[in-house]
C-alpha atoms as a PDB file:
ATOM      1  CA  MET A   1     -91.935 -45.000  82.433  1.00  0.00           C
ATOM      2  CA  ASN A   2     -88.792 -43.013  83.320  1.00  0.00           C
ATOM      3  CA  ARG A   3     -86.062 -44.274  85.643  1.00  0.00           C
ATOM      4  CA  ALA A   4     -87.218 -42.285  88.679  1.00  0.00           C
ATOM      5  CA  VAL A   5     -90.738 -43.631  88.446  1.00  0.00           C
ATOM      6  CA  MET A   6     -89.504 -47.172  87.807  1.00  0.00           C
ATOM      7  CA  ALA A   7     -87.280 -47.009  90.889  1.00  0.00           C
ATOM      8  CA  ALA A   8     -90.173 -45.713  92.974  1.00  0.00           C
ATOM      9  CA  VAL A   9     -92.470 -48.478  91.773  1.00  0.00           C
ATOM     10  CA  LEU A  10     -89.857 -51.116  92.519  1.00  0.00           C
ATOM     11  CA  GLY A  11     -89.424 -49.617  95.972  1.00  0.00           C
ATOM     12  CA  TRP A  12     -93.176 -49.673  96.524  1.00  0.00           C
ATOM     13  CA  SER A  13     -93.271 -53.311  95.499  1.00  0.00           C
ATOM     14  CA  ALA A  14     -90.444 -54.226  97.828  1.00  0.00           C
ATOM     15  CA  SER A  15     -92.040 -52.357 100.708  1.00  0.00           C
ATOM     16  CA  VAL A  16     -95.054 -54.651 100.715  1.00  0.00           C
ATOM     17  CA  ALA A  17     -92.768 -57.677 100.365  1.00  0.00           C
ATOM     18  CA  MET A  18     -94.895 -59.282  97.666  1.00  0.00           C
ATOM     19  CA  ALA A  19     -97.835 -59.380 100.101  1.00  0.00           C
ATOM     20  CA  VAL A  20    -101.228 -57.769  99.656  1.00  0.00           C
ATOM     21  CA  ASP A  21    -101.055 -54.090 100.556  1.00  0.00           C
ATOM     22  CA  LEU A  22    -103.780 -53.578 103.167  1.00  0.00           C
ATOM     23  CA  GLN A  23    -104.871 -49.938 103.255  1.00  0.00           C
ATOM     24  CA  GLY A  24    -107.043 -48.404 105.940  1.00  0.00           C
ATOM     25  CA  HIS A  25    -109.635 -46.260 104.133  1.00  0.00           C
ATOM     26  CA  ARG A  26    -109.706 -42.757 105.592  1.00  0.00           C
ATOM     27  CA  GLY A  27    -107.776 -44.363 108.442  1.00  0.00           C
ATOM     28  CA  ALA A  28    -110.313 -46.950 109.550  1.00  0.00           C
ATOM     29  CA  ARG A  29    -113.653 -45.315 108.758  1.00  0.00           C
ATOM     30  CA  GLY A  30    -115.726 -48.260 109.874  1.00  0.00           C
ATOM     31  CA  LEU A  31    -114.231 -48.100 113.360  1.00  0.00           C
ATOM     32  CA  ALA A  32    -113.433 -44.434 114.088  1.00  0.00           C
ATOM     33  CA  PRO A  33    -114.274 -40.978 112.668  1.00  0.00           C
ATOM     34  CA  GLU A  34    -112.961 -40.749 109.126  1.00  0.00           C
ATOM     35  CA  ASN A  35    -109.744 -38.953 108.244  1.00  0.00           C
ATOM     36  CA  THR A  36    -108.993 -38.108 111.867  1.00  0.00           C
ATOM     37  CA  LEU A  37    -106.018 -38.869 114.063  1.00  0.00           C
ATOM     38  CA  PRO A  38    -108.083 -41.375 116.112  1.00  0.00           C
ATOM     39  CA  ALA A  39    -108.944 -43.266 112.920  1.00  0.00           C
ATOM     40  CA  PHE A  40    -105.326 -43.345 111.807  1.00  0.00           C
ATOM     41  CA  ALA A  41    -104.207 -44.438 115.282  1.00  0.00           C
ATOM     42  CA  ARG A  42    -106.727 -47.304 115.153  1.00  0.00           C
ATOM     43  CA  ALA A  43    -105.458 -48.386 111.741  1.00  0.00           C
ATOM     44  CA  LEU A  44    -101.857 -48.262 112.939  1.00  0.00           C
ATOM     45  CA  ALA A  45    -102.734 -50.353 115.984  1.00  0.00           C
ATOM     46  CA  LEU A  46    -104.302 -52.965 113.722  1.00  0.00           C
ATOM     47  CA  GLY A  47    -101.151 -53.107 111.626  1.00  0.00           C
ATOM     48  CA  VAL A  48    -102.209 -51.838 108.200  1.00  0.00           C
ATOM     49  CA  ASP A  49     -99.543 -51.466 105.552  1.00  0.00           C
ATOM     50  CA  THR A  50    -100.815 -48.128 104.282  1.00  0.00           C
ATOM     51  CA  LEU A  51    -102.915 -45.249 105.559  1.00  0.00           C
ATOM     52  CA  GLU A  52    -105.295 -44.054 102.844  1.00  0.00           C
ATOM     53  CA  LEU A  53    -106.447 -40.452 103.208  1.00  0.00           C
ATOM     54  CA  ASP A  54    -107.852 -37.408 101.428  1.00  0.00           C
ATOM     55  CA  THR A  55    -106.531 -33.871 101.370  1.00  0.00           C
ATOM     56  CA  GLY A  56    -107.677 -30.318 100.840  1.00  0.00           C
ATOM     57  CA  VAL A  57    -105.942 -26.955 101.078  1.00  0.00           C
ATOM     58  CA  THR A  58    -107.319 -24.111 103.195  1.00  0.00           C
ATOM     59  CA  ARG A  59    -107.488 -20.456 102.236  1.00  0.00           C
ATOM     60  CA  ASP A  60    -104.229 -19.830 104.101  1.00  0.00           C
ATOM     61  CA  GLY A  61    -102.422 -22.693 102.385  1.00  0.00           C
ATOM     62  CA  VAL A  62    -102.614 -25.407 105.046  1.00  0.00           C
ATOM     63  CA  VAL A  63    -102.839 -28.968 103.711  1.00  0.00           C
ATOM     64  CA  VAL A  64    -105.573 -30.674 105.742  1.00  0.00           C
ATOM     65  CA  ILE A  65    -106.997 -34.191 105.808  1.00  0.00           C
ATOM     66  CA  HIS A  66    -110.643 -34.215 104.745  1.00  0.00           C
ATOM     67  CA  HIS A  67    -112.704 -36.051 102.148  1.00  0.00           C
ATOM     68  CA  ASP A  68    -115.351 -33.589 101.049  1.00  0.00           C
ATOM     69  CA  LEU A  69    -114.675 -30.334  99.243  1.00  0.00           C
ATOM     70  CA  ALA A  70    -116.891 -28.631 101.830  1.00  0.00           C
ATOM     71  CA  LEU A  71    -117.875 -29.323 105.423  1.00  0.00           C
ATOM     72  CA  ASN A  72    -120.180 -32.353 105.533  1.00  0.00           C
ATOM     73  CA  PRO A  73    -123.383 -31.985 107.614  1.00  0.00           C
ATOM     74  CA  ASP A  74    -123.307 -35.742 108.333  1.00  0.00           C
ATOM     75  CA  ILE A  75    -120.152 -35.333 110.420  1.00  0.00           C
ATOM     76  CA  ALA A  76    -119.646 -31.651 111.263  1.00  0.00           C
ATOM     77  CA  ARG A  77    -120.908 -29.816 114.351  1.00  0.00           C
ATOM     78  CA  ASP A  78    -120.356 -26.168 115.222  1.00  0.00           C
ATOM     79  CA  GLN A  79    -118.967 -24.705 118.448  1.00  0.00           C
ATOM     80  CA  GLN A  80    -122.358 -25.081 120.119  1.00  0.00           C
ATOM     81  CA  GLY A  81    -122.479 -28.768 119.219  1.00  0.00           C
ATOM     82  CA  ARG A  82    -125.187 -28.290 116.591  1.00  0.00           C
ATOM     83  CA  TRP A  83    -125.100 -30.358 113.400  1.00  0.00           C
ATOM     84  CA  LEU A  84    -124.744 -28.274 110.275  1.00  0.00           C
ATOM     85  CA  GLU A  85    -128.125 -27.984 108.572  1.00  0.00           C
ATOM     86  CA  LYS A  86    -126.628 -28.110 105.077  1.00  0.00           C
ATOM     87  CA  LYS A  87    -123.318 -28.481 103.331  1.00  0.00           C
ATOM     88  CA  GLY A  88    -120.837 -25.991 104.681  1.00  0.00           C
ATOM     89  CA  PRO A  89    -118.585 -23.649 102.747  1.00  0.00           C
ATOM     90  CA  PRO A  90    -115.703 -25.078 100.698  1.00  0.00           C
ATOM     91  CA  LEU A  91    -112.637 -25.843 102.776  1.00  0.00           C
ATOM     92  CA  HIS A  92    -110.612 -23.722 100.387  1.00  0.00           C
ATOM     93  CA  SER A  93    -112.640 -20.646 101.415  1.00  0.00           C
ATOM     94  CA  LEU A  94    -111.819 -21.096 105.121  1.00  0.00           C
ATOM     95  CA  ALA A  95    -108.657 -20.479 107.094  1.00  0.00           C
ATOM     96  CA  PHE A  96    -107.343 -23.403 109.104  1.00  0.00           C
ATOM     97  CA  ALA A  97    -108.253 -21.645 112.366  1.00  0.00           C
ATOM     98  CA  GLN A  98    -111.865 -21.528 111.187  1.00  0.00           C
ATOM     99  CA  LEU A  99    -111.868 -25.254 110.418  1.00  0.00           C
ATOM    100  CA  LEU A 100    -110.739 -25.966 113.959  1.00  0.00           C
ATOM    101  CA  GLN A 101    -114.068 -24.652 115.232  1.00  0.00           C
ATOM    102  CA  TYR A 102    -115.859 -27.743 113.909  1.00  0.00           C
ATOM    103  CA  ASP A 103    -116.146 -31.088 115.675  1.00  0.00           C
ATOM    104  CA  VAL A 104    -115.933 -34.057 113.273  1.00  0.00           C
ATOM    105  CA  GLY A 105    -115.790 -36.814 115.864  1.00  0.00           C
ATOM    106  CA  ARG A 106    -119.274 -38.295 115.544  1.00  0.00           C
ATOM    107  CA  LEU A 107    -121.694 -39.355 112.786  1.00  0.00           C
ATOM    108  CA  LYS A 108    -125.065 -37.640 112.753  1.00  0.00           C
ATOM    109  CA  PRO A 109    -127.630 -40.188 114.004  1.00  0.00           C
ATOM    110  CA  GLY A 110    -130.210 -41.380 111.510  1.00  0.00           C
ATOM    111  CA  THR A 111    -128.216 -40.459 108.404  1.00  0.00           C
ATOM    112  CA  ASN A 112    -127.410 -42.983 105.714  1.00  0.00           C
ATOM    113  CA  TYR A 113    -123.766 -42.476 106.593  1.00  0.00           C
ATOM    114  CA  ALA A 114    -124.368 -43.466 110.201  1.00  0.00           C
ATOM    115  CA  LYS A 115    -126.408 -46.484 109.130  1.00  0.00           C
ATOM    116  CA  ALA A 116    -123.598 -47.620 106.844  1.00  0.00           C
ATOM    117  CA  HIS A 117    -121.039 -47.574 109.680  1.00  0.00           C
ATOM    118  CA  PRO A 118    -122.796 -48.875 112.797  1.00  0.00           C
ATOM    119  CA  ASP A 119    -119.519 -49.933 114.438  1.00  0.00           C
ATOM    120  CA  GLN A 120    -117.847 -46.549 114.193  1.00  0.00           C
ATOM    121  CA  GLN A 121    -116.992 -45.372 117.708  1.00  0.00           C
ATOM    122  CA  PRO A 122    -117.359 -41.610 118.227  1.00  0.00           C
ATOM    123  CA  VAL A 123    -114.536 -39.483 119.580  1.00  0.00           C
ATOM    124  CA  ASP A 124    -116.168 -36.199 120.514  1.00  0.00           C
ATOM    125  CA  GLY A 125    -113.995 -33.126 120.249  1.00  0.00           C
ATOM    126  CA  THR A 126    -112.041 -34.422 117.267  1.00  0.00           C
ATOM    127  CA  ARG A 127    -110.900 -31.796 114.770  1.00  0.00           C
ATOM    128  CA  ILE A 128    -109.882 -31.883 111.114  1.00  0.00           C
ATOM    129  CA  PRO A 129    -106.125 -32.524 111.219  1.00  0.00           C
ATOM    130  CA  ARG A 130    -103.316 -31.140 109.140  1.00  0.00           C
ATOM    131  CA  LEU A 131    -101.341 -33.593 107.050  1.00  0.00           C
ATOM    132  CA  ALA A 132     -98.342 -32.492 109.088  1.00  0.00           C
ATOM    133  CA  ASP A 133    -100.145 -33.664 112.251  1.00  0.00           C
ATOM    134  CA  LEU A 134    -100.473 -37.186 110.863  1.00  0.00           C
ATOM    135  CA  PHE A 135     -96.841 -37.325 109.815  1.00  0.00           C
ATOM    136  CA  GLU A 136     -95.826 -36.159 113.288  1.00  0.00           C
ATOM    137  CA  MET A 137     -98.066 -38.720 115.009  1.00  0.00           C
ATOM    138  CA  VAL A 138     -96.518 -41.539 112.979  1.00  0.00           C
ATOM    139  CA  ARG A 139     -93.060 -40.211 113.716  1.00  0.00           C
ATOM    140  CA  GLN A 140     -93.789 -39.961 117.436  1.00  0.00           C
ATOM    141  CA  GLU A 141     -94.982 -43.564 117.468  1.00  0.00           C
ATOM    142  CA  GLY A 142     -91.691 -44.620 115.910  1.00  0.00           C
ATOM    143  CA  ASN A 143     -93.463 -46.311 113.011  1.00  0.00           C
ATOM    144  CA  GLN A 144     -90.982 -46.411 110.145  1.00  0.00           C
ATOM    145  CA  ARG A 145     -92.906 -48.941 108.070  1.00  0.00           C
ATOM    146  CA  VAL A 146     -96.404 -47.627 107.358  1.00  0.00           C
ATOM    147  CA  ARG A 147     -96.981 -45.934 104.020  1.00  0.00           C
ATOM    148  CA  PHE A 148     -99.315 -43.125 102.955  1.00  0.00           C
ATOM    149  CA  ASN A 149    -101.690 -43.181  99.978  1.00  0.00           C
ATOM    150  CA  ILE A 150    -102.788 -39.570  99.711  1.00  0.00           C
ATOM    151  CA  GLU A 151    -105.635 -38.381  97.515  1.00  0.00           C
ATOM    152  CA  ILE A 152    -105.826 -34.992  95.859  1.00  0.00           C
ATOM    153  CA  LYS A 153    -109.487 -33.976  96.098  1.00  0.00           C
ATOM    154  CA  SER A 154    -109.925 -31.652  93.145  1.00  0.00           C
ATOM    155  CA  HIS A 155    -112.946 -31.754  90.853  1.00  0.00           C
ATOM    156  CA  PRO A 156    -113.096 -30.573  87.218  1.00  0.00           C
ATOM    157  CA  GLU A 157    -116.776 -29.690  87.544  1.00  0.00           C
ATOM    158  CA  PHE A 158    -116.252 -27.507  90.643  1.00  0.00           C
ATOM    159  CA  PRO A 159    -113.008 -25.678  89.849  1.00  0.00           C
ATOM    160  CA  ASP A 160    -113.609 -22.848  92.321  1.00  0.00           C
ATOM    161  CA  ASP A 161    -113.985 -25.153  95.329  1.00  0.00           C
ATOM    162  CA  THR A 162    -110.308 -26.158  95.482  1.00  0.00           C
ATOM    163  CA  LEU A 163    -106.925 -25.040  94.344  1.00  0.00           C
ATOM    164  CA  ALA A 164    -106.267 -25.690  90.670  1.00  0.00           C
ATOM    165  CA  PRO A 165    -104.774 -29.182  90.125  1.00  0.00           C
ATOM    166  CA  GLU A 166    -101.208 -27.958  89.538  1.00  0.00           C
ATOM    167  CA  ALA A 167    -101.205 -25.663  92.584  1.00  0.00           C
ATOM    168  CA  PHE A 168    -102.873 -28.372  94.705  1.00  0.00           C
ATOM    169  CA  ALA A 169    -100.213 -30.895  93.720  1.00  0.00           C
ATOM    170  CA  GLN A 170     -97.461 -28.393  94.475  1.00  0.00           C
ATOM    171  CA  ALA A 171     -98.839 -27.662  97.953  1.00  0.00           C
ATOM    172  CA  LEU A 172     -99.265 -31.338  98.807  1.00  0.00           C
ATOM    173  CA  LEU A 173     -95.878 -32.418  97.499  1.00  0.00           C
ATOM    174  CA  ALA A 174     -94.142 -29.599  99.348  1.00  0.00           C
ATOM    175  CA  GLU A 175     -95.696 -30.865 102.607  1.00  0.00           C
ATOM    176  CA  ILE A 176     -94.663 -34.454 101.876  1.00  0.00           C
ATOM    177  CA  ARG A 177     -91.100 -33.436 101.076  1.00  0.00           C
ATOM    178  CA  ARG A 178     -90.935 -31.172 104.135  1.00  0.00           C
ATOM    179  CA  ALA A 179     -91.775 -34.187 106.298  1.00  0.00           C
ATOM    180  CA  GLY A 180     -89.270 -36.426 104.502  1.00  0.00           C
ATOM    181  CA  MET A 181     -92.042 -38.843 103.496  1.00  0.00           C
ATOM    182  CA  SER A 182     -91.538 -38.959  99.717  1.00  0.00           C
ATOM    183  CA  GLY A 183     -90.200 -42.507  99.857  1.00  0.00           C
ATOM    184  CA  ARG A 184     -93.256 -43.735 101.780  1.00  0.00           C
ATOM    185  CA  THR A 185     -95.978 -42.061  99.742  1.00  0.00           C
ATOM    186  CA  THR A 186     -98.155 -42.565  96.684  1.00  0.00           C
ATOM    187  CA  ILE A 187    -100.382 -39.830  95.254  1.00  0.00           C
ATOM    188  CA  GLN A 188    -103.851 -40.779  94.038  1.00  0.00           C
ATOM    189  CA  SER A 189    -106.742 -38.933  92.441  1.00  0.00           C
ATOM    190  CA  PHE A 190    -109.825 -39.324  90.276  1.00  0.00           C
ATOM    191  CA  ASP A 191    -108.741 -36.042  88.700  1.00  0.00           C
ATOM    192  CA  TRP A 192    -105.957 -37.161  86.416  1.00  0.00           C
ATOM    193  CA  ARG A 193    -104.937 -33.553  85.776  1.00  0.00           C
ATOM    194  CA  ALA A 194    -103.621 -33.476  89.341  1.00  0.00           C
ATOM    195  CA  LEU A 195    -101.718 -36.711  88.793  1.00  0.00           C
ATOM    196  CA  GLN A 196    -100.123 -35.368  85.627  1.00  0.00           C
ATOM    197  CA  ALA A 197     -98.980 -32.359  87.636  1.00  0.00           C
ATOM    198  CA  ALA A 198     -97.629 -34.587  90.417  1.00  0.00           C
ATOM    199  CA  GLN A 199     -95.651 -36.626  87.874  1.00  0.00           C
ATOM    200  CA  ARG A 200     -94.031 -33.453  86.549  1.00  0.00           C
ATOM    201  CA  ILE A 201     -93.237 -32.042  89.985  1.00  0.00           C
ATOM    202  CA  ALA A 202     -92.171 -35.235  91.777  1.00  0.00           C
ATOM    203  CA  PRO A 203     -91.417 -38.039  89.311  1.00  0.00           C
ATOM    204  CA  GLU A 204     -89.919 -40.082  92.145  1.00  0.00           C
ATOM    205  CA  ILE A 205     -93.349 -40.518  93.815  1.00  0.00           C
ATOM    206  CA  PRO A 206     -95.640 -43.169  92.246  1.00  0.00           C
ATOM    207  CA  THR A 207     -99.048 -42.027  91.092  1.00  0.00           C
ATOM    208  CA  VAL A 208    -102.256 -43.993  91.608  1.00  0.00           C
ATOM    209  CA  TYR A 209    -105.008 -43.573  89.028  1.00  0.00           C
ATOM    210  CA  LEU A 210    -108.415 -43.835  90.683  1.00  0.00           C
ATOM    211  CA  THR A 211    -111.327 -44.915  88.506  1.00  0.00           C
ATOM    212  CA  ALA A 212    -115.010 -45.735  88.747  1.00  0.00           C
ATOM    213  CA  GLN A 213    -117.539 -46.603  86.069  1.00  0.00           C
ATOM    214  CA  GLN A 214    -120.750 -46.558  88.089  1.00  0.00           C
ATOM    215  CA  ASN A 215    -123.945 -44.534  87.852  1.00  0.00           C
ATOM    216  CA  TRP A 216    -123.015 -42.777  91.110  1.00  0.00           C
ATOM    217  CA  LEU A 217    -119.468 -41.973  89.974  1.00  0.00           C
ATOM    218  CA  ASP A 218    -117.910 -42.260  86.531  1.00  0.00           C
ATOM    219  CA  ASN A 219    -114.676 -40.442  85.798  1.00  0.00           C
ATOM    220  CA  ILE A 220    -113.947 -42.515  82.674  1.00  0.00           C
ATOM    221  CA  GLN A 221    -117.178 -41.605  80.831  1.00  0.00           C
ATOM    222  CA  ALA A 222    -116.444 -44.072  78.046  1.00  0.00           C
ATOM    223  CA  GLY A 223    -119.746 -43.386  76.297  1.00  0.00           C
ATOM    224  CA  ARG A 224    -119.455 -39.592  76.316  1.00  0.00           C
ATOM    225  CA  PRO A 225    -118.781 -38.413  72.726  1.00  0.00           C
ATOM    226  CA  GLU A 226    -116.610 -35.512  73.849  1.00  0.00           C
ATOM    227  CA  GLY A 227    -114.747 -37.667  76.353  1.00  0.00           C
ATOM    228  CA  SER A 228    -114.135 -37.270  80.074  1.00  0.00           C
ATOM    229  CA  ARG A 229    -113.139 -34.021  81.761  1.00  0.00           C
ATOM    230  CA  TRP A 230    -111.423 -36.033  84.491  1.00  0.00           C
ATOM    231  CA  THR A 231    -108.747 -37.861  82.535  1.00  0.00           C
ATOM    232  CA  ALA A 232    -106.402 -35.095  81.365  1.00  0.00           C
ATOM    233  CA  GLY A 233    -107.077 -35.717  77.688  1.00  0.00           C
ATOM    234  CA  VAL A 234    -106.461 -39.478  77.882  1.00  0.00           C
ATOM    235  CA  GLN A 235    -109.709 -40.848  76.482  1.00  0.00           C
ATOM    236  CA  PHE A 236    -111.232 -44.321  76.493  1.00  0.00           C
ATOM    237  CA  LYS A 237    -112.054 -44.171  72.769  1.00  0.00           C
ATOM    238  CA  ASP A 238    -108.355 -43.780  71.972  1.00  0.00           C
ATOM    239  CA  HIS A 239    -107.110 -46.661  74.121  1.00  0.00           C
ATOM    240  CA  GLY A 240    -109.932 -49.185  74.404  1.00  0.00           C
ATOM    241  CA  SER A 241    -109.526 -50.085  78.081  1.00  0.00           C
ATOM    242  CA  VAL A 242    -109.055 -48.366  81.413  1.00  0.00           C
ATOM    243  CA  PRO A 243    -105.717 -50.096  82.192  1.00  0.00           C
ATOM    244  CA  ALA A 244    -104.407 -48.910  78.806  1.00  0.00           C
ATOM    245  CA  MET A 245    -105.509 -45.367  79.681  1.00  0.00           C
ATOM    246  CA  VAL A 246    -103.652 -45.520  83.004  1.00  0.00           C
ATOM    247  CA  LYS A 247    -100.526 -46.788  81.275  1.00  0.00           C
ATOM    248  CA  ALA A 248    -100.736 -44.073  78.627  1.00  0.00           C
ATOM    249  CA  ALA A 249    -101.076 -41.443  81.338  1.00  0.00           C
ATOM    250  CA  GLY A 250     -97.861 -42.648  82.994  1.00  0.00           C
ATOM    251  CA  GLY A 251     -99.485 -44.234  86.029  1.00  0.00           C
ATOM    252  CA  ALA A 252     -97.747 -46.825  88.182  1.00  0.00           C
ATOM    253  CA  VAL A 253    -100.862 -48.093  89.960  1.00  0.00           C
ATOM    254  CA  TRP A 254    -104.454 -48.533  88.823  1.00  0.00           C
ATOM    255  CA  SER A 255    -106.996 -48.183  91.646  1.00  0.00           C
ATOM    256  CA  PRO A 256    -110.485 -49.101  90.416  1.00  0.00           C
ATOM    257  CA  TYR A 257    -113.755 -49.478  92.304  1.00  0.00           C
ATOM    258  CA  PHE A 258    -113.772 -53.169  93.139  1.00  0.00           C
ATOM    259  CA  GLY A 259    -117.137 -53.697  91.446  1.00  0.00           C
ATOM    260  CA  ASP A 260    -115.581 -52.714  88.108  1.00  0.00           C
ATOM    261  CA  VAL A 261    -112.883 -55.389  88.232  1.00  0.00           C
ATOM    262  CA  ASP A 262    -112.970 -58.767  86.528  1.00  0.00           C
ATOM    263  CA  ALA A 263    -110.407 -61.337  85.413  1.00  0.00           C
ATOM    264  CA  ALA A 264    -109.985 -59.861  81.937  1.00  0.00           C
ATOM    265  CA  LYS A 265    -109.274 -56.367  83.266  1.00  0.00           C
ATOM    266  CA  MET A 266    -106.846 -57.752  85.823  1.00  0.00           C
ATOM    267  CA  GLN A 267    -105.017 -59.657  83.102  1.00  0.00           C
ATOM    268  CA  ALA A 268    -104.830 -56.531  80.952  1.00  0.00           C
ATOM    269  CA  ALA A 269    -103.452 -54.470  83.831  1.00  0.00           C
ATOM    270  CA  LYS A 270    -100.833 -57.054  84.725  1.00  0.00           C
ATOM    271  CA  ALA A 271     -99.764 -57.353  81.084  1.00  0.00           C
ATOM    272  CA  LEU A 272     -99.084 -53.618  81.138  1.00  0.00           C
ATOM    273  CA  GLY A 273     -97.043 -53.903  84.326  1.00  0.00           C
ATOM    274  CA  LEU A 274     -99.547 -52.043  86.505  1.00  0.00           C
ATOM    275  CA  LYS A 275    -100.165 -52.675  90.180  1.00  0.00           C
ATOM    276  CA  VAL A 276    -103.885 -52.967  91.003  1.00  0.00           C
ATOM    277  CA  VAL A 277    -105.283 -51.679  94.312  1.00  0.00           C
ATOM    278  CA  VAL A 278    -109.076 -51.910  94.629  1.00  0.00           C
ATOM    279  CA  TRP A 279    -111.399 -49.696  96.673  1.00  0.00           C
ATOM    280  CA  THR A 280    -113.453 -49.740  98.924  1.00  0.00           C
ATOM    281  CA  VAL A 281    -113.945 -53.325 100.085  1.00  0.00           C
ATOM    282  CA  THR A 282    -115.583 -54.078 103.426  1.00  0.00           C
ATOM    283  CA  ASP A 283    -117.284 -57.440 102.879  1.00  0.00           C
ATOM    284  CA  PRO A 284    -114.816 -60.343 103.381  1.00  0.00           C
ATOM    285  CA  ALA A 285    -116.494 -62.389 100.626  1.00  0.00           C
ATOM    286  CA  ALA A 286    -115.962 -59.590  98.130  1.00  0.00           C
ATOM    287  CA  ALA A 287    -112.395 -59.176  99.352  1.00  0.00           C
ATOM    288  CA  ALA A 288    -111.769 -62.889  98.852  1.00  0.00           C
ATOM    289  CA  ARG A 289    -112.927 -62.573  95.234  1.00  0.00           C
ATOM    290  CA  MET A 290    -110.499 -59.721  94.697  1.00  0.00           C
ATOM    291  CA  LEU A 291    -107.660 -61.688  96.239  1.00  0.00           C
ATOM    292  CA  ASP A 292    -108.469 -64.637  93.995  1.00  0.00           C
ATOM    293  CA  LEU A 293    -108.171 -62.319  90.996  1.00  0.00           C
ATOM    294  CA  GLY A 294    -104.676 -61.354  92.139  1.00  0.00           C
ATOM    295  CA  VAL A 295    -105.038 -57.749  93.283  1.00  0.00           C
ATOM    296  CA  ASP A 296    -101.965 -56.131  94.802  1.00  0.00           C
ATOM    297  CA  GLY A 297    -103.857 -54.169  97.420  1.00  0.00           C
ATOM    298  CA  ILE A 298    -107.210 -53.630  99.109  1.00  0.00           C
ATOM    299  CA  ILE A 299    -108.518 -50.364 100.526  1.00  0.00           C
ATOM    300  CA  SER A 300    -111.052 -51.033 103.287  1.00  0.00           C
ATOM    301  CA  ASP A 301    -113.165 -49.239 105.885  1.00  0.00           C
ATOM    302  CA  ARG A 302    -112.721 -52.332 108.043  1.00  0.00           C
ATOM    303  CA  PRO A 303    -109.057 -53.310 108.016  1.00  0.00           C
ATOM    304  CA  ASP A 304    -109.773 -55.528 111.025  1.00  0.00           C
ATOM    305  CA  LEU A 305    -112.013 -57.771 108.910  1.00  0.00           C
ATOM    306  CA  MET A 306    -109.496 -57.765 106.083  1.00  0.00           C
ATOM    307  CA  LEU A 307    -106.701 -58.781 108.435  1.00  0.00           C
ATOM    308  CA  ASN A 308    -108.792 -61.687 109.701  1.00  0.00           C
ATOM    309  CA  LEU A 309    -109.397 -62.790 106.110  1.00  0.00           C
ATOM    310  CA  LEU A 310    -105.720 -62.544 105.184  1.00  0.00           C
ATOM    311  CA  GLN A 311    -104.778 -64.555 108.258  1.00  0.00           C
ATOM    312  CA  GLN A 312    -107.341 -67.237 107.425  1.00  0.00           C
ATOM    313  CA  ARG A 313    -105.895 -67.477 103.918  1.00  0.00           C
ATOM    314  CA  GLY A 314    -102.364 -67.717 105.255  1.00  0.00           C
ATOM    315  CA  GLU A 315    -101.398 -64.398 103.689  1.00  0.00           C
ATOM    316  CA  ARG A 316    -100.702 -62.732 107.043  1.00  0.00           C
ATOM    317  CA  LYS A 317     -99.028 -64.185 110.089  1.00  0.00           C
ATOM    318  CA  LEU A 318    -101.169 -64.492 113.186  1.00  0.00           C
ATOM    319  CA  PRO A 319    -100.214 -62.006 115.921  1.00  0.00           C
END
């Protein structure tokens, strides 16, 4: 780890003051429409340490906050208020002005997504924001403490749906630097190619290596003879564990799916000097297990429930 990265990691550690880093997932997805200014405002009001969010880049080069590579019919309505009947075009194929035509302020009733987030309050008329809009909102609120954990949403199996990893990283980092937020930001991705690019372009910004080893998402692909396309040539067979892969790739933070974490993996990560931030934890009992293992951070759709848990455990002061 070079000096710039080490200094950034030490700064990140100091910023959370040895406490658990509570991150609002997509703002506060369980309470307000995901990756929107209302969701981020709700998370800020609750007092999260970090706003977790996803980014894409439009055809005209605008860095926007959105999870899916394309418009999602579970959340997107057209100018007539009609739900999209199928997945929309890739964000990268649309200009920002075209994106603004879609309302993303309400979950489509009856979908699995809506059933999973029954407490999400709709905010009709909400649009996909620019990353610059979030930075400006935080600045206007005078919040000089909250951090940003920003995901690059590129995908090695759908290379035409986004900018290439290097160009994506360049666009995102330029926006972060333009806003003067480098010192308050980490960059995360499942696509380690993007993280390698970010490390080359901005070594002062810590990188967060996202992983999952589930049947619904597996970017490690430990059993694949030819290795994973996600991990920038850093393969499980060569290192023997995911924490060792993250370390070899130059990562400062390992961010695994919480269901993949156990005591042995935590011990291995800590021995390598990695911070561990788990995603996405909503159930307080599961969060308590993670805290008992010694995680450094929790990403949650329900930061309100996590705050209650931390207060009960004496790890957050009561308001």
